[in-house]
């Protein structure tokens, strides 16, 4: 009896903002490695998640949502998407099925750039139509599925609900079938290439997105300035800086009598404790750095632009 052949490959996970890409990544891995909020364009950097099951290793690249490009930060986010597309063995385009069933006219505008690129693809393409749990009459999907088949006739169209994990195992099987035969590229117990410090900063940014309103979340950046182990107290001491673009945003992040920053810190500390599996002492500071999203040096130092 011959040994089973390993399959391994890179899968680019892309699509418009708020389609559920990060939710799907976390569901596939069975662990939270990328932050999730109801606000679009939460993901800024390319996040790599590694799923190893049996004889298959799928390496997912969760990318920022493609939207209208404005400013250096937005351009850097779109650049990350196209870099993923270039290096992938297979491509998963994720769409908000509920949105495009209700507003079919949005589909062409939201996906034009991606559809043009994918129409010429020879690599496997899977179109994940997400959020089908938001409507009960599944016949409403037919016009959307027909249109997607017209746009990408060679692609596999896969309706599912990432939030409820409906269809998740079938999607894993489909992905496995599309990956090339190759040896694993990472240890079987590794689930991400992201450093722990980066993941901790992302957790803090997630809490800011969830607590702050309007434009404030999009004008914040988080940097871990200090990370030390304190063996005497048996804890990890983390000092993080929250950069905001305007003085008015600083007072909003801190909140009345420090209530907002305290709540953000409490929630972030809990998640970071789960991430590293130990006690955490977290201190947060808020600093104003005007127009940081247009500062090339700052964006490069924060890992949002390539060196």
Protein backbone atom coordinates (compact mmCIF):
# COMPACT_ATOMS: atom_id res chain seq x y z
CA UNK A 1 0.00 0.00 0.00
CA UNK A 2 1.58 3.30 -1.11
CA UNK A 3 2.00 6.25 1.19
CA UNK A 4 -0.42 9.14 0.71
CA UNK A 5 0.92 12.05 -1.30
CA UNK A 6 1.15 15.38 0.50
CA UNK A 7 -0.52 18.45 -0.97
CA UNK A 8 0.65 21.95 -0.11
CA UNK A 9 0.03 25.38 -1.58
CA UNK A 10 -0.67 29.05 -1.05
CA UNK A 11 -4.26 30.30 -1.26
CA UNK A 12 -4.98 34.01 -1.76
CA UNK A 13 -8.13 35.02 0.11
CA UNK A 14 -9.39 38.25 -1.43
CA UNK A 15 -12.50 40.27 -2.16
CA UNK A 16 -14.29 43.54 -1.41
CA UNK A 17 -14.31 44.97 2.14
CA UNK A 18 -16.56 43.33 4.75
CA UNK A 19 -17.10 40.14 2.74
CA UNK A 20 -16.06 37.98 5.71
CA UNK A 21 -12.52 37.00 4.70
CA UNK A 22 -11.08 37.20 8.23
CA UNK A 23 -14.07 35.32 9.66
CA UNK A 24 -13.50 32.53 7.15
CA UNK A 25 -9.77 32.40 7.87
CA UNK A 26 -10.40 32.00 11.60
CA UNK A 27 -13.09 29.37 10.95
CA UNK A 28 -10.81 27.35 8.66
CA UNK A 29 -7.98 27.37 11.22
CA UNK A 30 -10.25 26.77 14.20
CA UNK A 31 -8.47 29.60 16.01
CA UNK A 32 -8.53 33.37 15.90
CA UNK A 33 -5.42 34.70 14.18
CA UNK A 34 -6.88 37.70 12.39
CA UNK A 35 -9.12 40.38 13.85
CA UNK A 36 -12.77 40.69 12.93
CA UNK A 37 -15.05 43.72 13.25
CA UNK A 38 -18.30 44.81 11.58
CA UNK A 39 -16.46 47.74 9.97
CA UNK A 40 -15.07 47.39 6.44
CA UNK A 41 -11.34 47.39 5.74
CA UNK A 42 -10.36 46.20 9.21
CA UNK A 43 -7.48 44.15 7.77
CA UNK A 44 -4.50 46.31 6.76
CA UNK A 45 -1.63 43.85 6.42
CA UNK A 46 -1.47 40.51 4.71
CA UNK A 47 -2.06 37.86 7.38
CA UNK A 48 -0.86 34.31 6.74
CA UNK A 49 -2.72 31.39 8.32
CA UNK A 50 -1.64 27.77 8.00
CA UNK A 51 -4.10 24.86 8.01
CA UNK A 52 -2.54 21.40 8.25
CA UNK A 53 -4.92 18.45 8.24
CA UNK A 54 -3.91 14.93 7.29
CA UNK A 55 -1.85 15.01 4.11
CA UNK A 56 -2.76 18.62 3.23
CA UNK A 57 -1.27 21.97 4.17
CA UNK A 58 -3.12 25.05 2.91
CA UNK A 59 -1.38 28.38 3.48
CA UNK A 60 -3.95 31.18 3.41
CA UNK A 61 -3.13 34.81 2.75
CA UNK A 62 -5.88 37.00 4.21
CA UNK A 63 -5.65 40.33 2.41
CA UNK A 64 -7.19 43.79 2.86
CA UNK A 65 -10.48 44.39 1.10
CA UNK A 66 -10.15 46.04 -2.30
CA UNK A 67 -11.93 49.40 -2.34
CA UNK A 68 -11.49 52.80 -3.90
CA UNK A 69 -7.82 53.76 -3.49
CA UNK A 70 -7.17 56.94 -1.49
CA UNK A 71 -3.86 57.81 0.17
CA UNK A 72 -0.66 55.89 0.74
CA UNK A 73 -2.14 53.49 3.28
CA UNK A 74 -4.96 52.45 0.94
CA UNK A 75 -2.50 51.98 -1.90
CA UNK A 76 -0.31 49.81 0.31
CA UNK A 77 -3.33 47.67 1.20
CA UNK A 78 -4.20 47.13 -2.46
CA UNK A 79 -0.54 46.34 -3.21
CA UNK A 80 -0.69 43.55 -0.62
CA UNK A 81 -3.68 42.06 -2.46
CA UNK A 82 -1.94 41.96 -5.83
CA UNK A 83 1.23 40.52 -4.28
CA UNK A 84 -0.87 37.69 -2.86
CA UNK A 85 -2.50 37.10 -6.22
CA UNK A 86 0.91 36.80 -7.88
CA UNK A 87 2.28 34.20 -5.44
CA UNK A 88 -0.81 32.01 -4.94
CA UNK A 89 -1.33 28.45 -6.14
CA UNK A 90 -5.10 28.89 -5.85
CA UNK A 91 -7.36 31.92 -5.41
CA UNK A 92 -10.46 32.31 -3.27
CA UNK A 93 -12.62 35.30 -4.09
CA UNK A 94 -15.01 36.01 -1.22
CA UNK A 95 -18.24 37.92 -1.77
CA UNK A 96 -21.05 39.12 0.47
CA UNK A 97 -23.89 37.06 -0.99
CA UNK A 98 -26.55 38.82 1.04
CA UNK A 99 -25.44 42.25 -0.20
CA UNK A 100 -25.35 41.33 -3.89
CA UNK A 101 -28.69 39.57 -3.74
CA UNK A 102 -30.26 42.71 -2.30
CA UNK A 103 -28.24 45.14 -4.43
CA UNK A 104 -27.07 43.26 -7.56
CA UNK A 105 -25.99 46.53 -9.19
CA UNK A 106 -23.13 46.78 -6.66
CA UNK A 107 -21.45 43.58 -7.89
CA UNK A 108 -19.76 44.94 -11.01
CA UNK A 109 -18.54 48.10 -9.30
CA UNK A 110 -17.15 46.29 -6.25
CA UNK A 111 -15.41 43.47 -8.12
CA UNK A 112 -14.47 44.89 -11.51
CA UNK A 113 -10.69 44.97 -10.93
CA UNK A 114 -10.61 41.48 -9.43
CA UNK A 115 -12.88 39.97 -12.08
CA UNK A 116 -10.71 41.35 -14.87
CA UNK A 117 -7.63 39.78 -13.29
CA UNK A 118 -9.29 36.45 -12.55
CA UNK A 119 -10.89 36.10 -15.99
CA UNK A 120 -7.45 35.36 -17.47
CA UNK A 121 -6.42 32.94 -14.71
CA UNK A 122 -5.25 29.39 -15.35
CA UNK A 123 -4.91 28.68 -11.65
CA UNK A 124 -7.85 27.26 -9.67
CA UNK A 125 -10.37 29.92 -8.60
CA UNK A 126 -13.04 29.37 -5.94
CA UNK A 127 -15.74 32.02 -5.54
CA UNK A 128 -17.08 31.82 -1.98
CA UNK A 129 -20.55 33.37 -1.78
CA UNK A 130 -20.74 34.15 1.93
CA UNK A 131 -23.48 35.12 4.40
CA UNK A 132 -26.18 32.84 2.97
CA UNK A 133 -27.48 32.44 6.55
CA UNK A 134 -28.92 35.97 6.33
CA UNK A 135 -31.80 34.94 4.08
CA UNK A 136 -34.10 31.91 4.24
CA UNK A 137 -35.28 31.72 0.62
CA UNK A 138 -32.26 30.13 -1.09
CA UNK A 139 -33.86 30.53 -4.53
CA UNK A 140 -32.93 34.20 -4.26
CA UNK A 141 -29.34 33.16 -4.91
CA UNK A 142 -30.00 31.92 -8.45
CA UNK A 143 -29.60 35.25 -10.31
CA UNK A 144 -26.36 35.96 -8.43
CA UNK A 145 -24.94 32.49 -9.04
CA UNK A 146 -25.87 32.72 -12.72
CA UNK A 147 -24.15 36.09 -13.03
CA UNK A 148 -21.00 34.81 -11.30
CA UNK A 149 -20.87 31.82 -13.65
CA UNK A 150 -21.05 34.22 -16.58
CA UNK A 151 -18.26 36.39 -15.17
CA UNK A 152 -15.96 33.48 -14.21
CA UNK A 153 -17.08 30.38 -16.15
CA UNK A 154 -14.04 28.32 -15.10
CA UNK A 155 -14.38 29.07 -11.39
CA UNK A 156 -16.01 26.92 -8.71
CA UNK A 157 -18.93 28.79 -7.11
CA UNK A 158 -19.37 27.87 -3.44
CA UNK A 159 -22.22 29.33 -1.29
CA UNK A 160 -21.67 29.13 2.48
CA UNK A 161 -21.86 30.87 5.85
CA UNK A 162 -18.44 31.50 7.40
CA UNK A 163 -19.99 32.87 10.60
CA UNK A 164 -22.02 29.69 11.20
CA UNK A 165 -19.37 27.42 9.61
CA UNK A 166 -22.03 25.99 7.29
CA UNK A 167 -20.22 24.31 4.39
CA UNK A 168 -16.81 24.63 6.05
CA UNK A 169 -15.75 20.98 5.78
CA UNK A 170 -16.91 20.77 2.16
CA UNK A 171 -14.87 23.90 1.40
CA UNK A 172 -11.77 22.34 3.00
CA UNK A 173 -12.21 19.31 0.74
CA UNK A 174 -12.56 21.53 -2.33
CA UNK A 175 -9.43 23.49 -1.42
CA UNK A 176 -7.46 20.27 -0.92
CA UNK A 177 -8.43 19.06 -4.38
CA UNK A 178 -7.16 22.30 -5.92
CA UNK A 179 -3.73 22.31 -4.26
CA UNK A 180 -0.63 20.90 -5.98
CA UNK A 181 1.21 17.81 -4.80
CA UNK A 182 4.10 19.15 -2.73
CA UNK A 183 5.85 18.72 0.62
CA UNK A 184 4.70 20.80 3.59
CA UNK A 185 6.41 24.19 3.89
CA UNK A 186 5.75 24.72 7.62
CA UNK A 187 5.76 22.59 10.78
CA UNK A 188 2.42 20.86 11.30
CA UNK A 189 1.71 22.73 14.56
CA UNK A 190 2.34 26.23 13.14
CA UNK A 191 -0.82 28.20 12.41
CA UNK A 192 0.56 31.58 11.31
CA UNK A 193 3.70 33.38 10.19
CA UNK A 194 2.70 36.51 12.12
CA UNK A 195 4.90 37.38 15.15
CA UNK A 196 3.13 37.35 18.51
CA UNK A 197 3.88 41.07 18.97
CA UNK A 198 2.08 41.85 15.72
CA UNK A 199 -0.91 39.73 16.74
CA UNK A 200 -1.08 41.51 20.11
CA UNK A 201 -1.06 44.91 18.37
CA UNK A 202 -3.86 43.69 16.10
CA UNK A 203 -5.94 42.65 19.11
CA UNK A 204 -5.64 46.16 20.55
CA UNK A 205 -6.62 47.64 17.19
CA UNK A 206 -9.62 45.33 17.02
CA UNK A 207 -10.90 46.66 20.35
CA UNK A 208 -10.43 50.22 19.08
CA UNK A 209 -12.50 49.39 15.99
CA UNK A 210 -15.24 47.89 18.12
CA UNK A 211 -15.39 50.82 20.58
CA UNK A 212 -14.73 53.86 18.42
CA UNK A 213 -17.28 55.41 16.06
CA UNK A 214 -17.18 57.11 12.67
CA UNK A 215 -13.74 57.77 11.20
CA UNK A 216 -11.68 57.32 14.37
CA UNK A 217 -10.81 53.59 13.93
CA UNK A 218 -9.37 54.26 10.49
CA UNK A 219 -7.05 56.93 11.89
CA UNK A 220 -5.44 54.77 14.57
CA UNK A 221 -2.31 52.63 14.46
CA UNK A 222 -0.91 50.47 17.24
CA UNK A 223 2.76 49.85 17.98
CA UNK A 224 4.17 47.55 20.68
CA UNK A 225 7.01 49.62 22.10
CA UNK A 226 8.11 47.24 24.82
CA UNK A 227 7.60 43.51 25.51
CA UNK A 228 9.30 42.02 28.56
CA UNK A 229 8.95 38.86 30.58
CA UNK A 230 8.70 39.43 34.34
CA UNK A 231 9.63 36.06 35.91
CA UNK A 232 9.17 37.33 39.46
CA UNK A 233 5.51 38.13 38.89
CA UNK A 234 5.06 35.42 36.29
CA UNK A 235 3.68 37.80 33.66
CA UNK A 236 4.42 39.46 30.34
CA UNK A 237 4.69 43.26 30.50
CA UNK A 238 3.51 44.96 27.31
CA UNK A 239 3.65 48.70 26.59
CA UNK A 240 1.70 49.74 23.50
CA UNK A 241 1.23 53.11 21.82
CA UNK A 242 -1.99 54.02 20.03
CA UNK A 243 -1.28 56.63 17.36
CA UNK A 244 -4.12 58.91 16.31
CA UNK A 245 -4.22 61.43 13.47
CA UNK A 246 -5.88 64.32 15.34
CA UNK A 247 -5.83 65.76 18.86
CA UNK A 248 -9.62 65.43 19.03
CA UNK A 249 -9.29 61.70 18.39
CA UNK A 250 -6.96 61.34 21.36
CA UNK A 251 -9.60 62.54 23.80
CA UNK A 252 -12.17 60.22 22.17
CA UNK A 253 -9.91 57.18 22.55
CA UNK A 254 -9.13 58.02 26.18
CA UNK A 255 -12.75 58.80 27.02
CA UNK A 256 -14.22 60.62 29.97
CA UNK A 257 -11.99 60.09 33.02
CA UNK A 258 -10.11 57.44 31.03
CA UNK A 259 -13.14 55.13 30.84
CA UNK A 260 -12.79 54.25 27.16
CA UNK A 261 -9.07 53.43 27.15
CA UNK A 262 -9.55 51.39 30.33
CA UNK A 263 -12.28 49.28 28.74
CA UNK A 264 -10.24 48.79 25.56
CA UNK A 265 -7.25 47.72 27.66
CA UNK A 266 -9.27 45.28 29.73
CA UNK A 267 -10.73 43.54 26.67
CA UNK A 268 -7.39 43.49 24.83
CA UNK A 269 -5.58 42.09 27.88
CA UNK A 270 -8.01 39.17 28.05
CA UNK A 271 -7.47 38.22 24.39
CA UNK A 272 -3.68 38.65 24.58
CA UNK A 273 -3.63 36.44 27.67
CA UNK A 274 -5.37 33.72 25.64
CA UNK A 275 -2.97 34.31 22.74
CA UNK A 276 0.23 33.82 24.76
CA UNK A 277 -1.17 31.47 27.40
CA UNK A 278 -0.04 33.47 30.43
CA UNK A 279 -0.61 36.53 32.59
CA UNK A 280 -0.35 39.94 30.93
CA UNK A 281 0.27 43.44 32.27
CA UNK A 282 -0.80 45.81 29.49
CA UNK A 283 -0.22 49.56 29.49
CA UNK A 284 -1.68 51.72 26.70
CA UNK A 285 -0.57 55.23 25.73
CA UNK A 286 -2.20 57.51 23.16
CA UNK A 287 -0.08 59.81 21.02
CA UNK A 288 -1.01 62.24 18.24
CA UNK A 289 0.84 61.80 14.96
CA UNK A 290 -0.93 63.95 12.41
CA UNK A 291 -1.39 62.52 8.90
CA UNK A 292 0.48 59.33 9.81
CA UNK A 293 -1.34 57.44 7.02
CA UNK A 294 0.57 59.58 4.48
CA UNK A 295 3.96 59.27 6.21
CA UNK A 296 6.00 56.77 4.19
CA UNK A 297 8.66 56.28 6.87
CA UNK A 298 6.05 55.66 9.58
CA UNK A 299 4.06 53.24 7.39
CA UNK A 300 7.26 51.33 6.59
CA UNK A 301 8.28 51.18 10.26
CA UNK A 302 4.82 49.84 11.12
CA UNK A 303 5.09 47.11 8.47
CA UNK A 304 2.32 48.57 6.28
CA UNK A 305 4.70 49.35 3.40
CA UNK A 306 7.44 47.07 2.03
CA UNK A 307 11.04 47.89 2.89
